[in-house]
Amino acid sequence: MSEATQTRETSARGLALTLLALLVLAGFSLTMRFVHIGAASYFVGLGVAAIKAALVVVFFMEILVEKVTVRLAFAVCLSLFALLIALVLADVLTRSVPPLQNPPGSAQRYRG
């Protein structure tokens, strides 16, 4: 069979299990909102978000069975997004923080 006539059936069981996994991960995210684990909470939140995004891409968008051009476009999109995030982080981390000063006119406002 050629690629154009070949179809892949999506099973209801697979979609239901994926939905259940997404709901469990959403519940875990909500639970972690109230747990104080310090700076690790950011990494846990990003990890859960990455897992949920991967589940959506693989099972709901069915990126693994798409044409090569669609997968290539998706990979380019992810690469450009990663480059954007890296450049934003580089900009933020290399800035010098100026001392905070009162805005012009605020001294007269507080004196009455």
PDB file of N, CA and C in Angstrom:
ATOM      1  N   MET A   1       0.838  -1.186   0.000  1.00  0.00           N
ATOM      2  CA  MET A   1       0.000   0.000   0.000  1.00  0.00           C
ATOM      3  C   MET A   1       0.875   1.238   0.000  1.00  0.00           C
ATOM      4  N   SER A   2       0.417   2.244  -0.679  1.00  0.00           N
ATOM      5  CA  SER A   2       1.165   3.492  -0.692  1.00  0.00           C
ATOM      6  C   SER A   2       0.853   4.287   0.567  1.00  0.00           C
ATOM      7  N   GLU A   3       1.661   5.302   0.810  1.00  0.00           N
ATOM      8  CA  GLU A   3       1.496   6.112   2.017  1.00  0.00           C
ATOM      9  C   GLU A   3       0.195   6.896   1.989  1.00  0.00           C
ATOM     10  N   ALA A   4      -0.278   7.261   0.812  1.00  0.00           N
ATOM     11  CA  ALA A   4      -1.499   8.053   0.690  1.00  0.00           C
ATOM     12  C   ALA A   4      -2.735   7.224   1.039  1.00  0.00           C
ATOM     13  N   THR A   5      -2.738   5.926   0.720  1.00  0.00           N
ATOM     14  CA  THR A   5      -3.916   5.108   1.001  1.00  0.00           C
ATOM     15  C   THR A   5      -3.836   4.407   2.340  1.00  0.00           C
ATOM     16  N   GLN A   6      -2.697   4.433   2.954  1.00  0.00           N
ATOM     17  CA  GLN A   6      -2.525   3.760   4.230  1.00  0.00           C
ATOM     18  C   GLN A   6      -3.069   4.636   5.351  1.00  0.00           C
ATOM     19  N   THR A   7      -3.989   4.095   6.141  1.00  0.00           N
ATOM     20  CA  THR A   7      -4.566   4.848   7.261  1.00  0.00           C
ATOM     21  C   THR A   7      -4.305   4.099   8.548  1.00  0.00           C
ATOM     22  N   ARG A   8      -4.288   4.838   9.593  1.00  0.00           N
ATOM     23  CA  ARG A   8      -4.071   4.250  10.919  1.00  0.00           C
ATOM     24  C   ARG A   8      -5.284   4.578  11.759  1.00  0.00           C
ATOM     25  N   GLU A   9      -5.887   3.568  12.300  1.00  0.00           N
ATOM     26  CA  GLU A   9      -7.071   3.764  13.130  1.00  0.00           C
ATOM     27  C   GLU A   9      -6.648   4.161  14.540  1.00  0.00           C
ATOM     28  N   THR A  10      -7.326   5.156  15.066  1.00  0.00           N
ATOM     29  CA  THR A  10      -7.078   5.571  16.435  1.00  0.00           C
ATOM     30  C   THR A  10      -8.024   4.814  17.343  1.00  0.00           C
ATOM     31  N   SER A  11      -7.469   4.158  18.345  1.00  0.00           N
ATOM     32  CA  SER A  11      -8.321   3.372  19.228  1.00  0.00           C
ATOM     33  C   SER A  11      -8.907   4.254  20.320  1.00  0.00           C
ATOM     34  N   ALA A  12     -10.134   3.981  20.655  1.00  0.00           N
ATOM     35  CA  ALA A  12     -10.802   4.726  21.721  1.00  0.00           C
ATOM     36  C   ALA A  12     -10.134   4.429  23.065  1.00  0.00           C
ATOM     37  N   ARG A  13      -9.642   3.209  23.211  1.00  0.00           N
ATOM     38  CA  ARG A  13      -8.988   2.836  24.473  1.00  0.00           C
ATOM     39  C   ARG A  13      -7.703   3.634  24.673  1.00  0.00           C
ATOM     40  N   GLY A  14      -6.925   3.791  23.604  1.00  0.00           N
ATOM     41  CA  GLY A  14      -5.685   4.560  23.692  1.00  0.00           C
ATOM     42  C   GLY A  14      -5.941   6.023  24.002  1.00  0.00           C
ATOM     43  N   LEU A  15      -6.956   6.592  23.360  1.00  0.00           N
ATOM     44  CA  LEU A  15      -7.303   7.984  23.640  1.00  0.00           C
ATOM     45  C   LEU A  15      -7.827   8.155  25.057  1.00  0.00           C
ATOM     46  N   ALA A  16      -8.602   7.190  25.528  1.00  0.00           N
ATOM     47  CA  ALA A  16      -9.128   7.266  26.896  1.00  0.00           C
ATOM     48  C   ALA A  16      -8.002   7.161  27.920  1.00  0.00           C
ATOM     49  N   LEU A  17      -7.041   6.283  27.671  1.00  0.00           N
ATOM     50  CA  LEU A  17      -5.904   6.161  28.590  1.00  0.00           C
ATOM     51  C   LEU A  17      -5.042   7.424  28.576  1.00  0.00           C
ATOM     52  N   THR A  18      -4.900   8.020  27.399  1.00  0.00           N
ATOM     53  CA  THR A  18      -4.152   9.272  27.316  1.00  0.00           C
ATOM     54  C   THR A  18      -4.874  10.381  28.065  1.00  0.00           C
ATOM     55  N   LEU A  19      -6.186  10.461  27.904  1.00  0.00           N
ATOM     56  CA  LEU A  19      -6.970  11.445  28.634  1.00  0.00           C
ATOM     57  C   LEU A  19      -6.861  11.221  30.136  1.00  0.00           C
ATOM     58  N   LEU A  20      -6.918   9.975  30.557  1.00  0.00           N
ATOM     59  CA  LEU A  20      -6.772   9.661  31.980  1.00  0.00           C
ATOM     60  C   LEU A  20      -5.399  10.080  32.489  1.00  0.00           C
ATOM     61  N   ALA A  21      -4.365   9.838  31.702  1.00  0.00           N
ATOM     62  CA  ALA A  21      -3.011  10.242  32.104  1.00  0.00           C
ATOM     63  C   ALA A  21      -2.907  11.761  32.209  1.00  0.00           C
ATOM     64  N   LEU A  22      -3.534  12.473  31.263  1.00  0.00           N
ATOM     65  CA  LEU A  22      -3.514  13.937  31.321  1.00  0.00           C
ATOM     66  C   LEU A  22      -4.255  14.455  32.544  1.00  0.00           C
ATOM     67  N   LEU A  23      -5.364  13.825  32.894  1.00  0.00           N
ATOM     68  CA  LEU A  23      -6.115  14.241  34.080  1.00  0.00           C
ATOM     69  C   LEU A  23      -5.340  13.951  35.367  1.00  0.00           C
ATOM     70  N   VAL A  24      -4.657  12.812  35.398  1.00  0.00           N
ATOM     71  CA  VAL A  24      -3.834  12.489  36.578  1.00  0.00           C
ATOM     72  C   VAL A  24      -2.689  13.498  36.712  1.00  0.00           C
ATOM     73  N   LEU A  25      -2.062  13.840  35.597  1.00  0.00           N
ATOM     74  CA  LEU A  25      -0.979  14.826  35.644  1.00  0.00           C
ATOM     75  C   LEU A  25      -1.498  16.208  36.034  1.00  0.00           C
ATOM     76  N   ALA A  26      -2.691  16.568  35.593  1.00  0.00           N
ATOM     77  CA  ALA A  26      -3.283  17.847  36.003  1.00  0.00           C
ATOM     78  C   ALA A  26      -3.565  17.843  37.503  1.00  0.00           C
ATOM     79  N   GLY A  27      -4.063  16.724  38.019  1.00  0.00           N
ATOM     80  CA  GLY A  27      -4.275  16.604  39.464  1.00  0.00           C
ATOM     81  C   GLY A  27      -2.970  16.677  40.236  1.00  0.00           C
ATOM     82  N   PHE A  28      -1.933  16.058  39.688  1.00  0.00           N
ATOM     83  CA  PHE A  28      -0.619  16.133  40.320  1.00  0.00           C
ATOM     84  C   PHE A  28      -0.104  17.568  40.341  1.00  0.00           C
ATOM     85  N   SER A  29      -0.322  18.292  39.243  1.00  0.00           N
ATOM     86  CA  SER A  29       0.091  19.695  39.197  1.00  0.00           C
ATOM     87  C   SER A  29      -0.640  20.515  40.253  1.00  0.00           C
ATOM     88  N   LEU A  30      -1.926  20.266  40.403  1.00  0.00           N
ATOM     89  CA  LEU A  30      -2.709  20.971  41.406  1.00  0.00           C
ATOM     90  C   LEU A  30      -2.239  20.625  42.811  1.00  0.00           C
ATOM     91  N   THR A  31      -1.936  19.370  43.039  1.00  0.00           N
ATOM     92  CA  THR A  31      -1.431  18.951  44.353  1.00  0.00           C
ATOM     93  C   THR A  31      -0.083  19.599  44.645  1.00  0.00           C
ATOM     94  N   MET A  32       0.782  19.649  43.651  1.00  0.00           N
ATOM     95  CA  MET A  32       2.103  20.235  43.855  1.00  0.00           C
ATOM     96  C   MET A  32       2.030  21.744  44.092  1.00  0.00           C
ATOM     97  N   ARG A  33       0.910  22.358  43.756  1.00  0.00           N
ATOM     98  CA  ARG A  33       0.731  23.794  43.998  1.00  0.00           C
ATOM     99  C   ARG A  33       0.752  24.084  45.496  1.00  0.00           C
ATOM    100  N   PHE A  34       0.280  23.143  46.295  1.00  0.00           N
ATOM    101  CA  PHE A  34       0.166  23.355  47.730  1.00  0.00           C
ATOM    102  C   PHE A  34       1.301  22.719  48.521  1.00  0.00           C
ATOM    103  N   VAL A  35       2.231  22.059  47.840  1.00  0.00           N
ATOM    104  CA  VAL A  35       3.388  21.454  48.497  1.00  0.00           C
ATOM    105  C   VAL A  35       4.561  22.413  48.348  1.00  0.00           C
ATOM    106  N   HIS A  36       5.217  22.711  49.447  1.00  0.00           N
ATOM    107  CA  HIS A  36       6.333  23.652  49.424  1.00  0.00           C
ATOM    108  C   HIS A  36       7.647  22.867  49.375  1.00  0.00           C
ATOM    109  N   ILE A  37       8.220  22.777  48.172  1.00  0.00           N
ATOM    110  CA  ILE A  37       9.491  22.065  48.019  1.00  0.00           C
ATOM    111  C   ILE A  37      10.587  23.000  47.536  1.00  0.00           C
ATOM    112  N   GLY A  38      10.364  24.288  47.658  1.00  0.00           N
ATOM    113  CA  GLY A  38      11.391  25.261  47.327  1.00  0.00           C
ATOM    114  C   GLY A  38      11.561  25.450  45.827  1.00  0.00           C
ATOM    115  N   ALA A  39      12.810  25.602  45.420  1.00  0.00           N
ATOM    116  CA  ALA A  39      13.119  25.879  44.015  1.00  0.00           C
ATOM    117  C   ALA A  39      12.835  24.685  43.116  1.00  0.00           C
ATOM    118  N   ALA A  40      12.725  23.495  43.677  1.00  0.00           N
ATOM    119  CA  ALA A  40      12.437  22.310  42.863  1.00  0.00           C
ATOM    120  C   ALA A  40      11.033  22.341  42.286  1.00  0.00           C
ATOM    121  N   SER A  41      10.154  23.167  42.832  1.00  0.00           N
ATOM    122  CA  SER A  41       8.779  23.221  42.331  1.00  0.00           C
ATOM    123  C   SER A  41       8.731  23.701  40.886  1.00  0.00           C
ATOM    124  N   TYR A  42       9.650  24.589  40.503  1.00  0.00           N
ATOM    125  CA  TYR A  42       9.699  25.048  39.116  1.00  0.00           C
ATOM    126  C   TYR A  42      10.045  23.897  38.176  1.00  0.00           C
ATOM    127  N   PHE A  43      11.026  23.109  38.558  1.00  0.00           N
ATOM    128  CA  PHE A  43      11.456  22.007  37.714  1.00  0.00           C
ATOM    129  C   PHE A  43      10.402  20.906  37.651  1.00  0.00           C
ATOM    130  N   VAL A  44       9.716  20.654  38.759  1.00  0.00           N
ATOM    131  CA  VAL A  44       8.642  19.664  38.761  1.00  0.00           C
ATOM    132  C   VAL A  44       7.508  20.137  37.861  1.00  0.00           C
ATOM    133  N   GLY A  45       7.156  21.410  37.969  1.00  0.00           N
ATOM    134  CA  GLY A  45       6.094  21.956  37.126  1.00  0.00           C
ATOM    135  C   GLY A  45       6.440  21.910  35.649  1.00  0.00           C
ATOM    136  N   LEU A  46       7.677  22.265  35.317  1.00  0.00           N
ATOM    137  CA  LEU A  46       8.110  22.196  33.917  1.00  0.00           C
ATOM    138  C   LEU A  46       8.161  20.758  33.409  1.00  0.00           C
ATOM    139  N   GLY A  47       8.552  19.849  34.270  1.00  0.00           N
ATOM    140  CA  GLY A  47       8.580  18.434  33.874  1.00  0.00           C
ATOM    141  C   GLY A  47       7.188  17.893  33.598  1.00  0.00           C
ATOM    142  N   VAL A  48       6.243  18.218  34.468  1.00  0.00           N
ATOM    143  CA  VAL A  48       4.860  17.771  34.262  1.00  0.00           C
ATOM    144  C   VAL A  48       4.292  18.390  32.993  1.00  0.00           C
ATOM    145  N   ALA A  49       4.567  19.669  32.763  1.00  0.00           N
ATOM    146  CA  ALA A  49       4.078  20.328  31.549  1.00  0.00           C
ATOM    147  C   ALA A  49       4.685  19.704  30.299  1.00  0.00           C
ATOM    148  N   ALA A  50       5.955  19.346  30.361  1.00  0.00           N
ATOM    149  CA  ALA A  50       6.608  18.717  29.206  1.00  0.00           C
ATOM    150  C   ALA A  50       6.007  17.342  28.922  1.00  0.00           C
ATOM    151  N   ILE A  51       5.710  16.588  29.966  1.00  0.00           N
ATOM    152  CA  ILE A  51       5.105  15.264  29.777  1.00  0.00           C
ATOM    153  C   ILE A  51       3.708  15.403  29.183  1.00  0.00           C
ATOM    154  N   LYS A  52       2.933  16.359  29.685  1.00  0.00           N
ATOM    155  CA  LYS A  52       1.589  16.560  29.140  1.00  0.00           C
ATOM    156  C   LYS A  52       1.652  17.003  27.679  1.00  0.00           C
ATOM    157  N   ALA A  53       2.569  17.889  27.351  1.00  0.00           N
ATOM    158  CA  ALA A  53       2.707  18.332  25.964  1.00  0.00           C
ATOM    159  C   ALA A  53       3.120  17.175  25.061  1.00  0.00           C
ATOM    160  N   ALA A  54       4.015  16.331  25.538  1.00  0.00           N
ATOM    161  CA  ALA A  54       4.447  15.182  24.741  1.00  0.00           C
ATOM    162  C   ALA A  54       3.293  14.206  24.502  1.00  0.00           C
ATOM    163  N   LEU A  55       2.471  13.987  25.514  1.00  0.00           N
ATOM    164  CA  LEU A  55       1.311  13.111  25.348  1.00  0.00           C
ATOM    165  C   LEU A  55       0.345  13.662  24.301  1.00  0.00           C
ATOM    166  N   VAL A  56       0.095  14.948  24.357  1.00  0.00           N
ATOM    167  CA  VAL A  56      -0.814  15.564  23.388  1.00  0.00           C
ATOM    168  C   VAL A  56      -0.243  15.462  21.980  1.00  0.00           C
ATOM    169  N   VAL A  57       1.044  15.728  21.834  1.00  0.00           N
ATOM    170  CA  VAL A  57       1.664  15.687  20.502  1.00  0.00           C
ATOM    171  C   VAL A  57       1.657  14.271  19.937  1.00  0.00           C
ATOM    172  N   VAL A  58       1.980  13.297  20.746  1.00  0.00           N
ATOM    173  CA  VAL A  58       2.106  11.934  20.237  1.00  0.00           C
ATOM    174  C   VAL A  58       0.747  11.286  20.001  1.00  0.00           C
ATOM    175  N   PHE A  59      -0.185  11.436  20.945  1.00  0.00           N
ATOM    176  CA  PHE A  59      -1.430  10.689  20.843  1.00  0.00           C
ATOM    177  C   PHE A  59      -2.571  11.461  20.189  1.00  0.00           C
ATOM    178  N   PHE A  60      -2.718  12.740  20.483  1.00  0.00           N
ATOM    179  CA  PHE A  60      -3.821  13.482  19.902  1.00  0.00           C
ATOM    180  C   PHE A  60      -3.461  14.086  18.543  1.00  0.00           C
ATOM    181  N   MET A  61      -2.248  14.594  18.404  1.00  0.00           N
ATOM    182  CA  MET A  61      -1.830  15.149  17.108  1.00  0.00           C
ATOM    183  C   MET A  61      -1.296  14.061  16.179  1.00  0.00           C
ATOM    184  N   GLU A  62      -0.991  12.892  16.726  1.00  0.00           N
ATOM    185  CA  GLU A  62      -0.480  11.738  15.979  1.00  0.00           C
ATOM    186  C   GLU A  62       0.709  12.113  15.095  1.00  0.00           C
ATOM    187  N   ILE A  63       1.682  12.791  15.697  1.00  0.00           N
ATOM    188  CA  ILE A  63       2.830  13.286  14.942  1.00  0.00           C
ATOM    189  C   ILE A  63       3.723  12.146  14.436  1.00  0.00           C
ATOM    190  N   LEU A  64       3.662  11.000  15.088  1.00  0.00           N
ATOM    191  CA  LEU A  64       4.524   9.889  14.675  1.00  0.00           C
ATOM    192  C   LEU A  64       4.074   9.233  13.379  1.00  0.00           C
ATOM    193  N   VAL A  65       2.812   9.405  13.000  1.00  0.00           N
ATOM    194  CA  VAL A  65       2.325   8.778  11.769  1.00  0.00           C
ATOM    195  C   VAL A  65       2.096   9.801  10.666  1.00  0.00           C
ATOM    196  N   GLU A  66       2.468  11.044  10.894  1.00  0.00           N
ATOM    197  CA  GLU A  66       2.314  12.083   9.879  1.00  0.00           C
ATOM    198  C   GLU A  66       3.404  11.942   8.816  1.00  0.00           C
ATOM    199  N   LYS A  67       3.229  12.699   7.748  1.00  0.00           N
ATOM    200  CA  LYS A  67       4.235  12.705   6.685  1.00  0.00           C
ATOM    201  C   LYS A  67       5.530  13.313   7.210  1.00  0.00           C
ATOM    202  N   VAL A  68       6.601  13.020   6.510  1.00  0.00           N
ATOM    203  CA  VAL A  68       7.920  13.498   6.918  1.00  0.00           C
ATOM    204  C   VAL A  68       7.966  15.028   6.930  1.00  0.00           C
ATOM    205  N   THR A  69       7.296  15.658   5.990  1.00  0.00           N
ATOM    206  CA  THR A  69       7.327  17.116   5.928  1.00  0.00           C
ATOM    207  C   THR A  69       6.638  17.747   7.143  1.00  0.00           C
ATOM    208  N   VAL A  70       5.569  17.139   7.613  1.00  0.00           N
ATOM    209  CA  VAL A  70       4.871  17.654   8.792  1.00  0.00           C
ATOM    210  C   VAL A  70       5.754  17.489  10.025  1.00  0.00           C
ATOM    211  N   ARG A  71       6.393  16.329  10.142  1.00  0.00           N
ATOM    212  CA  ARG A  71       7.303  16.111  11.279  1.00  0.00           C
ATOM    213  C   ARG A  71       8.488  17.054  11.235  1.00  0.00           C
ATOM    214  N   LEU A  72       9.000  17.332  10.032  1.00  0.00           N
ATOM    215  CA  LEU A  72      10.105  18.264   9.887  1.00  0.00           C
ATOM    216  C   LEU A  72       9.677  19.676  10.286  1.00  0.00           C
ATOM    217  N   ALA A  73       8.507  20.084   9.855  1.00  0.00           N
ATOM    218  CA  ALA A  73       8.000  21.412  10.226  1.00  0.00           C
ATOM    219  C   ALA A  73       7.817  21.510  11.737  1.00  0.00           C
ATOM    220  N   PHE A  74       7.333  20.461  12.354  1.00  0.00           N
ATOM    221  CA  PHE A  74       7.165  20.452  13.808  1.00  0.00           C
ATOM    222  C   PHE A  74       8.517  20.533  14.512  1.00  0.00           C
ATOM    223  N   ALA A  75       9.507  19.806  14.004  1.00  0.00           N
ATOM    224  CA  ALA A  75      10.844  19.839  14.606  1.00  0.00           C
ATOM    225  C   ALA A  75      11.482  21.216  14.457  1.00  0.00           C
ATOM    226  N   VAL A  76      11.295  21.850  13.309  1.00  0.00           N
ATOM    227  CA  VAL A  76      11.827  23.206  13.109  1.00  0.00           C
ATOM    228  C   VAL A  76      11.156  24.176  14.067  1.00  0.00           C
ATOM    229  N   CYS A  77       9.861  24.028  14.243  1.00  0.00           N
ATOM    230  CA  CYS A  77       9.124  24.886  15.175  1.00  0.00           C
ATOM    231  C   CYS A  77       9.661  24.728  16.597  1.00  0.00           C
ATOM    232  N   LEU A  78       9.866  23.502  17.027  1.00  0.00           N
ATOM    233  CA  LEU A  78      10.410  23.271  18.368  1.00  0.00           C
ATOM    234  C   LEU A  78      11.826  23.824  18.505  1.00  0.00           C
ATOM    235  N   SER A  79      12.620  23.688  17.467  1.00  0.00           N
ATOM    236  CA  SER A  79      13.989  24.201  17.511  1.00  0.00           C
ATOM    237  C   SER A  79      14.015  25.724  17.620  1.00  0.00           C
ATOM    238  N   LEU A  80      13.169  26.384  16.849  1.00  0.00           N
ATOM    239  CA  LEU A  80      13.116  27.841  16.923  1.00  0.00           C
ATOM    240  C   LEU A  80      12.593  28.312  18.274  1.00  0.00           C
ATOM    241  N   PHE A  81      11.632  27.589  18.832  1.00  0.00           N
ATOM    242  CA  PHE A  81      11.130  27.940  20.162  1.00  0.00           C
ATOM    243  C   PHE A  81      12.226  27.761  21.211  1.00  0.00           C
ATOM    244  N   ALA A  82      13.000  26.691  21.120  1.00  0.00           N
ATOM    245  CA  ALA A  82      14.102  26.472  22.058  1.00  0.00           C
ATOM    246  C   ALA A  82      15.157  27.563  21.918  1.00  0.00           C
ATOM    247  N   LEU A  83      15.440  27.985  20.682  1.00  0.00           N
ATOM    248  CA  LEU A  83      16.388  29.077  20.457  1.00  0.00           C
ATOM    249  C   LEU A  83      15.869  30.376  21.069  1.00  0.00           C
ATOM    250  N   LEU A  84      14.590  30.646  20.905  1.00  0.00           N
ATOM    251  CA  LEU A  84      13.994  31.846  21.483  1.00  0.00           C
ATOM    252  C   LEU A  84      14.110  31.840  23.001  1.00  0.00           C
ATOM    253  N   ILE A  85      13.793  30.725  23.625  1.00  0.00           N
ATOM    254  CA  ILE A  85      13.885  30.623  25.088  1.00  0.00           C
ATOM    255  C   ILE A  85      15.334  30.779  25.536  1.00  0.00           C
ATOM    256  N   ALA A  86      16.270  30.184  24.825  1.00  0.00           N
ATOM    257  CA  ALA A  86      17.688  30.299  25.186  1.00  0.00           C
ATOM    258  C   ALA A  86      18.166  31.742  25.095  1.00  0.00           C
ATOM    259  N   LEU A  87      17.749  32.461  24.052  1.00  0.00           N
ATOM    260  CA  LEU A  87      18.162  33.858  23.914  1.00  0.00           C
ATOM    261  C   LEU A  87      17.525  34.749  24.974  1.00  0.00           C
ATOM    262  N   VAL A  88      16.283  34.485  25.328  1.00  0.00           N
ATOM    263  CA  VAL A  88      15.634  35.260  26.394  1.00  0.00           C
ATOM    264  C   VAL A  88      16.347  35.009  27.723  1.00  0.00           C
ATOM    265  N   LEU A  89      16.659  33.753  28.015  1.00  0.00           N
ATOM    266  CA  LEU A  89      17.385  33.444  29.251  1.00  0.00           C
ATOM    267  C   LEU A  89      18.765  34.083  29.259  1.00  0.00           C
ATOM    268  N   ALA A  90      19.453  34.057  28.141  1.00  0.00           N
ATOM    269  CA  ALA A  90      20.776  34.685  28.065  1.00  0.00           C
ATOM    270  C   ALA A  90      20.667  36.184  28.307  1.00  0.00           C
ATOM    271  N   ASP A  91      19.638  36.814  27.779  1.00  0.00           N
ATOM    272  CA  ASP A  91      19.446  38.244  27.979  1.00  0.00           C
ATOM    273  C   ASP A  91      19.161  38.560  29.443  1.00  0.00           C
ATOM    274  N   VAL A  92      18.279  37.796  30.041  1.00  0.00           N
ATOM    275  CA  VAL A  92      17.898  38.067  31.434  1.00  0.00           C
ATOM    276  C   VAL A  92      19.059  37.793  32.385  1.00  0.00           C
ATOM    277  N   LEU A  93      19.800  36.714  32.153  1.00  0.00           N
ATOM    278  CA  LEU A  93      20.868  36.339  33.081  1.00  0.00           C
ATOM    279  C   LEU A  93      22.106  37.223  32.956  1.00  0.00           C
ATOM    280  N   THR A  94      22.291  37.915  31.849  1.00  0.00           N
ATOM    281  CA  THR A  94      23.482  38.744  31.682  1.00  0.00           C
ATOM    282  C   THR A  94      23.228  40.227  31.938  1.00  0.00           C
ATOM    283  N   ARG A  95      22.035  40.584  32.310  1.00  0.00           N
ATOM    284  CA  ARG A  95      21.750  41.993  32.607  1.00  0.00           C
ATOM    285  C   ARG A  95      22.278  42.357  33.977  1.00  0.00           C
ATOM    286  N   SER A  96      22.756  43.598  34.094  1.00  0.00           N
ATOM    287  CA  SER A  96      23.107  44.095  35.413  1.00  0.00           C
ATOM    288  C   SER A  96      21.867  44.781  35.985  1.00  0.00           C
ATOM    289  N   VAL A  97      21.628  44.550  37.239  1.00  0.00           N
ATOM    290  CA  VAL A  97      20.434  45.085  37.872  1.00  0.00           C
ATOM    291  C   VAL A  97      20.744  46.476  38.402  1.00  0.00           C
ATOM    292  N   PRO A  98      20.100  47.525  37.864  1.00  0.00           N
ATOM    293  CA  PRO A  98      20.360  48.876  38.379  1.00  0.00           C
ATOM    294  C   PRO A  98      19.676  49.056  39.731  1.00  0.00           C
ATOM    295  N   PRO A  99      20.220  49.940  40.566  1.00  0.00           N
ATOM    296  CA  PRO A  99      19.559  50.167  41.848  1.00  0.00           C
ATOM    297  C   PRO A  99      18.203  50.820  41.625  1.00  0.00           C
ATOM    298  N   LEU A 100      17.263  50.476  42.469  1.00  0.00           N
ATOM    299  CA  LEU A 100      15.925  51.038  42.359  1.00  0.00           C
ATOM    300  C   LEU A 100      15.929  52.477  42.850  1.00  0.00           C
ATOM    301  N   GLN A 101      15.337  53.343  42.087  1.00  0.00           N
ATOM    302  CA  GLN A 101      15.226  54.741  42.480  1.00  0.00           C
ATOM    303  C   GLN A 101      13.759  55.132  42.423  1.00  0.00           C
ATOM    304  N   ASN A 102      13.438  56.208  43.144  1.00  0.00           N
ATOM    305  CA  ASN A 102      12.075  56.703  43.083  1.00  0.00           C
ATOM    306  C   ASN A 102      11.826  57.323  41.713  1.00  0.00           C
ATOM    307  N   PRO A 103      10.646  57.107  41.150  1.00  0.00           N
ATOM    308  CA  PRO A 103      10.355  57.738  39.865  1.00  0.00           C
ATOM    309  C   PRO A 103      10.283  59.253  40.006  1.00  0.00           C
ATOM    310  N   PRO A 104      10.531  59.988  38.939  1.00  0.00           N
ATOM    311  CA  PRO A 104      10.473  61.447  39.015  1.00  0.00           C
ATOM    312  C   PRO A 104       9.091  61.929  39.468  1.00  0.00           C
ATOM    313  N   GLY A 105       9.077  62.862  40.397  1.00  0.00           N
ATOM    314  CA  GLY A 105       7.815  63.424  40.882  1.00  0.00           C
ATOM    315  C   GLY A 105       7.230  62.701  42.062  1.00  0.00           C
ATOM    316  N   SER A 106       7.793  61.567  42.464  1.00  0.00           N
ATOM    317  CA  SER A 106       7.187  60.831  43.582  1.00  0.00           C
ATOM    318  C   SER A 106       7.533  61.472  44.922  1.00  0.00           C
ATOM    319  N   ALA A 107       8.661  62.200  45.002  1.00  0.00           N
ATOM    320  CA  ALA A 107       9.009  62.850  46.276  1.00  0.00           C
ATOM    321  C   ALA A 107       7.999  63.924  46.624  1.00  0.00           C
ATOM    322  N   GLN A 108       7.547  64.708  45.668  1.00  0.00           N
ATOM    323  CA  GLN A 108       6.566  65.743  45.951  1.00  0.00           C
ATOM    324  C   GLN A 108       5.209  65.137  46.300  1.00  0.00           C
ATOM    325  N   ARG A 109       4.898  64.030  45.735  1.00  0.00           N
ATOM    326  CA  ARG A 109       3.591  63.403  45.957  1.00  0.00           C
ATOM    327  C   ARG A 109       3.475  62.914  47.392  1.00  0.00           C
ATOM    328  N   TYR A 110       4.561  62.380  47.954  1.00  0.00           N
ATOM    329  CA  TYR A 110       4.488  61.833  49.297  1.00  0.00           C
ATOM    330  C   TYR A 110       4.610  62.901  50.376  1.00  0.00           C
ATOM    331  N   ARG A 111       5.124  64.059  50.051  1.00  0.00           N
ATOM    332  CA  ARG A 111       5.222  65.142  51.040  1.00  0.00           C
ATOM    333  C   ARG A 111       3.888  65.842  51.236  1.00  0.00           C
ATOM    334  N   GLY A 112       3.035  65.712  50.295  1.00  0.00           N
ATOM    335  CA  GLY A 112       1.706  66.309  50.430  1.00  0.00           C
ATOM    336  C   GLY A 112       1.675  67.613  49.808  1.00  0.00           C
TER     337      GLY A 112
END
